[in-house]
N, C-alpha and C. Protein backbone atom coordinates (compact mmCIF):
# COMPACT_ATOMS: atom_id res chain seq x y z
N MET A 1 21.47 13.57 -33.24
CA MET A 1 20.13 13.22 -32.99
C MET A 1 20.20 12.24 -32.09
N PRO A 2 19.13 13.29 -30.95
CA PRO A 2 18.67 12.82 -30.09
C PRO A 2 18.46 10.61 -29.03
N GLU A 3 19.23 10.80 -28.05
CA GLU A 3 19.15 9.53 -27.30
C GLU A 3 18.28 8.87 -27.44
N PRO A 4 17.65 7.29 -27.87
CA PRO A 4 16.76 7.11 -27.99
C PRO A 4 15.89 7.24 -26.86
N LEU A 5 14.85 6.59 -25.71
CA LEU A 5 13.98 6.28 -24.66
C LEU A 5 13.53 5.21 -24.30
N GLU A 6 14.42 4.71 -23.79
CA GLU A 6 14.29 3.06 -23.61
C GLU A 6 13.97 3.20 -21.26
N VAL A 7 12.11 2.28 -21.73
CA VAL A 7 12.45 1.72 -20.52
C VAL A 7 12.84 0.76 -20.28
N ARG A 8 13.91 0.34 -18.94
CA ARG A 8 13.85 -0.60 -18.46
C ARG A 8 12.92 -0.95 -17.34
N PHE A 9 12.13 -1.90 -17.68
CA PHE A 9 10.88 -2.75 -17.31
C PHE A 9 11.63 -3.86 -16.04
N ALA A 10 11.87 -4.42 -15.45
CA ALA A 10 12.28 -5.14 -14.92
C ALA A 10 12.48 -4.37 -13.29
N PRO A 11 13.11 -3.21 -13.08
CA PRO A 11 13.19 -2.22 -11.76
C PRO A 11 11.90 -1.83 -11.61
N LEU A 12 10.91 -1.45 -12.48
CA LEU A 12 9.06 -1.80 -12.57
C LEU A 12 8.54 -2.72 -11.92
N ALA A 13 8.37 -3.94 -12.53
CA ALA A 13 8.24 -5.01 -11.43
C ALA A 13 8.80 -5.32 -10.90
N GLN A 14 10.01 -4.86 -10.74
CA GLN A 14 10.27 -5.04 -8.62
C GLN A 14 10.19 -4.28 -8.10
N GLY A 15 9.89 -3.32 -8.02
CA GLY A 15 9.43 -1.88 -7.38
C GLY A 15 7.61 -2.26 -6.65
N THR A 16 7.47 -3.25 -8.03
CA THR A 16 5.81 -3.21 -8.29
C THR A 16 5.59 -4.15 -6.83
N GLN A 17 6.29 -5.33 -6.47
CA GLN A 17 5.89 -6.00 -6.09
C GLN A 17 7.12 -6.02 -4.32
N GLU A 18 7.62 -4.65 -4.31
CA GLU A 18 7.79 -4.33 -3.27
C GLU A 18 7.06 -4.00 -2.45
N LEU A 19 6.54 -3.21 -3.21
CA LEU A 19 5.26 -2.05 -3.18
C LEU A 19 4.06 -3.08 -2.55
N SER A 20 4.41 -4.26 -3.07
CA SER A 20 2.62 -4.91 -2.10
C SER A 20 3.55 -6.45 -1.50
N LEU A 21 4.58 -6.30 -1.43
CA LEU A 21 5.27 -6.85 -0.05
C LEU A 21 5.24 -5.65 1.33
N THR A 22 5.34 -4.57 1.08
CA THR A 22 5.14 -3.52 1.55
C THR A 22 3.54 -3.51 2.09
N GLY A 23 2.86 -3.20 0.95
CA GLY A 23 0.66 -3.41 1.59
C GLY A 23 0.79 -4.06 2.67
N ASP A 24 1.26 -5.17 2.45
CA ASP A 24 0.62 -6.79 3.04
C ASP A 24 1.65 -6.22 4.09
N SER A 25 3.14 -5.47 4.94
CA SER A 25 3.34 -5.64 6.30
C SER A 25 1.79 -5.01 6.51
N PHE A 26 1.89 -3.36 5.86
CA PHE A 26 0.67 -2.14 7.02
C PHE A 26 -0.77 -2.92 7.41
N LEU A 27 -0.83 -4.14 6.07
CA LEU A 27 -2.06 -5.01 6.60
C LEU A 27 -1.91 -6.04 8.07
N LYS A 28 -0.21 -6.55 8.16
CA LYS A 28 -0.43 -7.81 9.26
C LYS A 28 -0.20 -6.69 10.10
N LEU A 29 0.19 -5.54 10.57
CA LEU A 29 0.38 -4.57 10.79
C LEU A 29 -0.16 -4.07 11.95
N LEU A 30 -1.42 -3.79 10.97
CA LEU A 30 -3.10 -3.26 11.70
C LEU A 30 -3.80 -3.85 12.02
N ARG A 31 -4.11 -5.87 11.69
CA ARG A 31 -4.74 -6.61 11.98
C ARG A 31 -3.97 -6.89 13.70
N ALA A 32 -2.59 -6.79 14.43
CA ALA A 32 -2.31 -7.12 15.39
C ALA A 32 -2.38 -5.89 15.93
N PHE A 33 -2.69 -5.25 15.29
CA PHE A 33 -2.77 -3.49 16.09
C PHE A 33 -4.75 -3.83 16.60
N VAL A 34 -5.34 -3.54 16.11
CA VAL A 34 -6.53 -4.53 16.50
C VAL A 34 -6.98 -6.00 17.36
N ASP A 35 -6.12 -6.72 16.94
CA ASP A 35 -6.27 -7.69 18.40
C ASP A 35 -5.78 -7.22 19.75
N ALA A 36 -4.30 -6.30 18.69
CA ALA A 36 -4.09 -6.00 20.49
C ALA A 36 -4.67 -4.87 21.21
N VAL A 37 -5.36 -4.09 20.62
CA VAL A 37 -6.43 -2.78 21.36
C VAL A 37 -7.95 -3.00 21.44
N LYS A 38 -8.33 -4.55 20.92
CA LYS A 38 -9.82 -4.87 21.93
C LYS A 38 -10.26 -5.84 23.27
N TYR A 39 -11.80 -4.99 22.84
CA TYR A 39 -11.59 -5.83 24.28
C TYR A 39 -13.39 -5.32 24.33
N ASP A 40 -13.97 -5.94 25.83
CA ASP A 40 -15.35 -6.89 26.09
C ASP A 40 -15.73 -5.32 26.23
N PRO A 41 -16.34 -4.61 25.32
CA PRO A 41 -17.28 -3.71 25.66
C PRO A 41 -17.81 -3.68 26.43
N SER A 42 -18.71 -4.94 27.20
CA SER A 42 -19.05 -5.17 28.94
C SER A 42 -18.72 -5.68 29.87
N ASN A 43 -16.99 -4.86 29.86
CA ASN A 43 -16.50 -5.59 31.14
C ASN A 43 -15.21 -4.98 30.33
N PRO A 44 -15.31 -3.73 30.46
CA PRO A 44 -13.77 -3.12 29.67
C PRO A 44 -12.70 -2.90 31.12
N PRO A 45 -11.77 -3.18 30.30
CA PRO A 45 -10.63 -3.32 31.18
C PRO A 45 -10.03 -2.02 32.87
N TRP A 46 -10.67 -0.53 32.31
CA TRP A 46 -10.91 0.17 32.42
C TRP A 46 -11.90 0.81 33.74
N GLY A 47 -13.07 -0.06 33.45
CA GLY A 47 -13.66 -0.36 34.31
C GLY A 47 -14.80 1.17 33.58
N THR A 48 -16.45 0.90 34.89
CA THR A 48 -17.73 1.36 34.09
C THR A 48 -17.75 2.61 35.59
N THR A 49 -16.79 3.06 35.84
CA THR A 49 -16.90 4.54 37.02
C THR A 49 -16.63 5.50 36.13
N PRO A 50 -17.53 6.92 36.77
CA PRO A 50 -16.22 7.83 35.68
C PRO A 50 -14.90 8.09 34.81
N ASP A 51 -14.58 7.21 35.83
CA ASP A 51 -13.54 7.86 36.10
C ASP A 51 -12.82 7.25 33.96
N GLY A 52 -14.04 5.55 34.07
CA GLY A 52 -12.94 4.87 33.14
C GLY A 52 -14.39 4.89 32.02
N GLU A 53 -14.89 5.33 32.03
CA GLU A 53 -15.82 5.85 31.09
C GLU A 53 -14.48 7.29 30.84
N GLN A 54 -14.49 8.05 31.07
CA GLN A 54 -13.57 8.90 30.19
C GLN A 54 -12.76 8.58 29.83
N PHE A 55 -12.01 7.32 30.85
CA PHE A 55 -10.35 6.56 29.35
C PHE A 55 -10.58 5.88 28.28
N GLU A 56 -11.80 5.45 28.37
CA GLU A 56 -12.09 4.30 27.40
C GLU A 56 -12.95 5.22 25.86
N LYS A 57 -13.02 6.85 25.71
CA LYS A 57 -13.17 7.71 25.22
C LYS A 57 -12.34 8.57 24.66
N GLY A 58 -11.26 8.28 25.34
CA GLY A 58 -10.51 8.85 24.68
C GLY A 58 -9.04 7.93 23.96
N TYR A 59 -9.85 6.48 24.60
CA TYR A 59 -8.95 5.39 24.25
C TYR A 59 -9.07 4.79 22.59
N VAL A 60 -11.47 4.62 23.04
CA VAL A 60 -11.52 4.17 21.52
C VAL A 60 -11.27 4.94 20.80
N ALA A 61 -11.26 6.47 20.44
CA ALA A 61 -10.73 7.28 19.41
C ALA A 61 -9.64 6.92 19.30
N ALA A 62 -8.51 7.18 20.23
CA ALA A 62 -6.79 6.27 19.46
C ALA A 62 -6.45 5.54 18.93
N ALA A 63 -8.01 4.50 19.72
CA ALA A 63 -7.41 3.11 18.23
C ALA A 63 -8.29 3.48 17.84
N VAL A 64 -9.05 4.14 17.59
CA VAL A 64 -10.03 3.91 16.40
C VAL A 64 -8.91 4.84 15.09
N ALA A 65 -8.76 6.48 15.05
CA ALA A 65 -8.28 7.12 14.16
C ALA A 65 -6.22 5.75 14.20
N THR A 66 -6.10 5.69 14.38
CA THR A 66 -4.96 4.97 14.46
C THR A 66 -4.79 3.56 13.51
N ARG A 67 -5.96 2.65 13.95
CA ARG A 67 -6.57 2.19 13.06
C ARG A 67 -6.76 2.64 10.88
N ASP A 68 -6.90 3.91 11.55
CA ASP A 68 -8.26 3.90 9.97
C ASP A 68 -6.49 4.59 9.31
N ALA A 69 -6.16 4.81 10.23
CA ALA A 69 -4.73 5.29 9.57
C ALA A 69 -3.81 4.49 8.85
N VAL A 70 -3.72 3.46 9.23
CA VAL A 70 -3.19 2.42 9.43
C VAL A 70 -3.54 1.79 8.55
N GLY A 71 -4.93 1.45 8.48
CA GLY A 71 -5.60 1.20 6.97
C GLY A 71 -6.13 1.94 5.44
N GLU A 72 -5.59 3.02 5.34
CA GLU A 72 -5.23 4.27 4.74
C GLU A 72 -3.91 4.36 4.44
N VAL A 73 -2.84 3.74 4.75
CA VAL A 73 -1.33 3.86 4.40
C VAL A 73 -1.35 2.93 3.74
N ALA A 74 -2.14 1.31 4.76
CA ALA A 74 -1.52 -0.04 3.53
C ALA A 74 -2.25 -0.20 2.36
N SER A 75 -3.95 0.46 2.18
CA SER A 75 -4.37 0.78 1.16
C SER A 75 -4.36 1.81 -0.05
N THR A 76 -2.80 2.70 0.25
CA THR A 76 -2.64 3.81 -0.17
C THR A 76 -1.39 3.22 -0.84
N VAL A 77 -0.62 1.94 -0.37
CA VAL A 77 0.59 1.53 -1.04
C VAL A 77 0.09 0.78 -1.56
N GLU A 78 -0.70 0.19 -1.84
CA GLU A 78 -1.64 -0.99 -2.34
C GLU A 78 -1.98 -0.38 -3.56
N GLU A 79 -2.42 0.45 -3.57
CA GLU A 79 -2.98 1.25 -4.70
C GLU A 79 -1.60 1.57 -6.11
N ILE A 80 -0.48 2.30 -4.89
CA ILE A 80 1.24 2.53 -5.66
C ILE A 80 0.91 1.33 -5.81
N ALA A 81 1.76 -0.12 -5.28
CA ALA A 81 1.86 -0.96 -6.72
C ALA A 81 0.82 -0.87 -7.61
N ASN A 82 -0.35 -1.09 -7.25
CA ASN A 82 -1.59 -1.82 -8.69
C ASN A 82 -0.79 -0.60 -9.89
N ARG A 83 -1.01 0.98 -9.97
CA ARG A 83 -0.87 1.77 -10.15
C ARG A 83 0.89 2.05 -10.68
N THR A 84 1.87 1.07 -10.15
CA THR A 84 3.36 1.17 -10.85
C THR A 84 3.84 -0.43 -12.00
N HIS A 85 2.43 -1.39 -11.11
CA HIS A 85 2.08 -2.36 -12.98
C HIS A 85 1.48 -1.80 -13.99
N GLU A 86 0.06 -1.09 -13.62
CA GLU A 86 0.10 -0.56 -14.77
C GLU A 86 0.39 0.36 -16.04
N ALA A 87 1.11 0.92 -15.07
CA ALA A 87 2.00 1.71 -16.41
C ALA A 87 3.78 0.46 -16.75
N ARG A 88 4.06 -0.12 -15.90
CA ARG A 88 4.65 -0.74 -16.49
C ARG A 88 4.22 -1.45 -17.70
N ILE A 89 2.65 -1.97 -17.56
CA ILE A 89 2.37 -3.05 -18.70
C ILE A 89 2.11 -2.03 -20.34
N ARG A 90 2.07 -0.39 -19.19
CA ARG A 90 1.65 0.19 -20.91
C ARG A 90 2.85 0.96 -21.53
N PHE A 91 4.08 0.88 -20.63
CA PHE A 91 5.21 1.20 -20.87
C PHE A 91 5.39 0.04 -21.71
N GLN A 92 5.64 -0.67 -21.55
CA GLN A 92 6.10 -1.94 -22.43
C GLN A 92 4.67 -1.85 -23.66
N HIS A 93 3.78 -1.89 -23.96
CA HIS A 93 3.24 -2.01 -24.93
C HIS A 93 4.23 -1.16 -25.42
N THR A 94 3.85 0.52 -25.38
CA THR A 94 4.38 1.88 -26.11
C THR A 94 5.59 1.79 -26.27
N GLN A 95 6.98 1.40 -25.94
CA GLN A 95 7.72 0.88 -26.13
C GLN A 95 7.59 -0.41 -27.55
N ASP A 96 7.03 -1.53 -26.94
CA ASP A 96 7.04 -2.48 -28.57
C ASP A 96 6.24 -1.80 -29.49
N GLU A 97 4.88 -1.05 -29.79
CA GLU A 97 4.26 -0.52 -30.74
C GLU A 97 5.73 0.51 -31.36
N ALA A 98 6.12 1.52 -30.64
CA ALA A 98 7.13 1.67 -31.39
C ALA A 98 8.23 0.55 -32.27
N LEU A 99 8.93 0.16 -31.49
CA LEU A 99 9.51 -0.57 -32.07
C LEU A 99 9.07 -0.85 -33.19
N GLU A 100 7.71 -1.91 -33.45
CA GLU A 100 7.43 -2.66 -34.44
C GLU A 100 7.74 -0.79 -35.52
N ASN A 101 7.14 0.06 -35.32
CA ASN A 101 7.05 1.16 -36.54
C ASN A 101 7.67 1.58 -36.78
N ILE A 102 9.01 1.54 -35.91
CA ILE A 102 10.03 2.35 -36.68
C ILE A 102 11.59 0.97 -37.05
N GLY A 103 10.60 0.21 -36.43
CA GLY A 103 12.15 -0.89 -37.17
C GLY A 103 12.96 -1.62 -36.21
N ASN A 104 12.98 -0.79 -35.20
CA ASN A 104 14.30 -0.86 -34.28
C ASN A 104 14.43 -1.84 -33.45
N SER A 105 15.31 -3.22 -33.52
CA SER A 105 14.93 -4.03 -32.30
C SER A 105 15.72 -4.24 -31.47
N ARG A 106 16.43 -2.92 -31.07
CA ARG A 106 16.94 -2.11 -29.84
C ARG A 106 16.04 -2.25 -28.83
N ARG A 107 15.52 -3.33 -27.38
CA ARG A 107 14.76 -3.29 -26.68
C ARG A 107 15.36 -3.52 -25.12
N ARG A 108 15.45 -2.92 -24.54
CA ARG A 108 16.29 -3.09 -23.40
C ARG A 108 14.60 -4.07 -21.67
N THR A 109 15.27 -4.71 -21.23
CA THR A 109 14.85 -5.79 -20.64
C THR A 109 14.43 -6.12 -19.45
């Protein structure tokens, strides 16, 4: 007889919470990064000489790429947290329904 499949829901809930905290940490990092790299475009700290303008092109491109990458990580982690939460709900519903249908009262939490 096959061993019954039981999903433990508490670890899924804990994982969801930890993923949400990780996403929040990335958002804080993103805000700190944006604050650290902002400047007054009318008076950039590297000046307005040709060398300064060349530096600005590289600086802005790198800053924007980093900002976008950190934002994407934060969004991805939050999406994983949401999907983990949804999976836990579906697993629990499916298990509850199956246990009700077969009359098995064993269920792990």
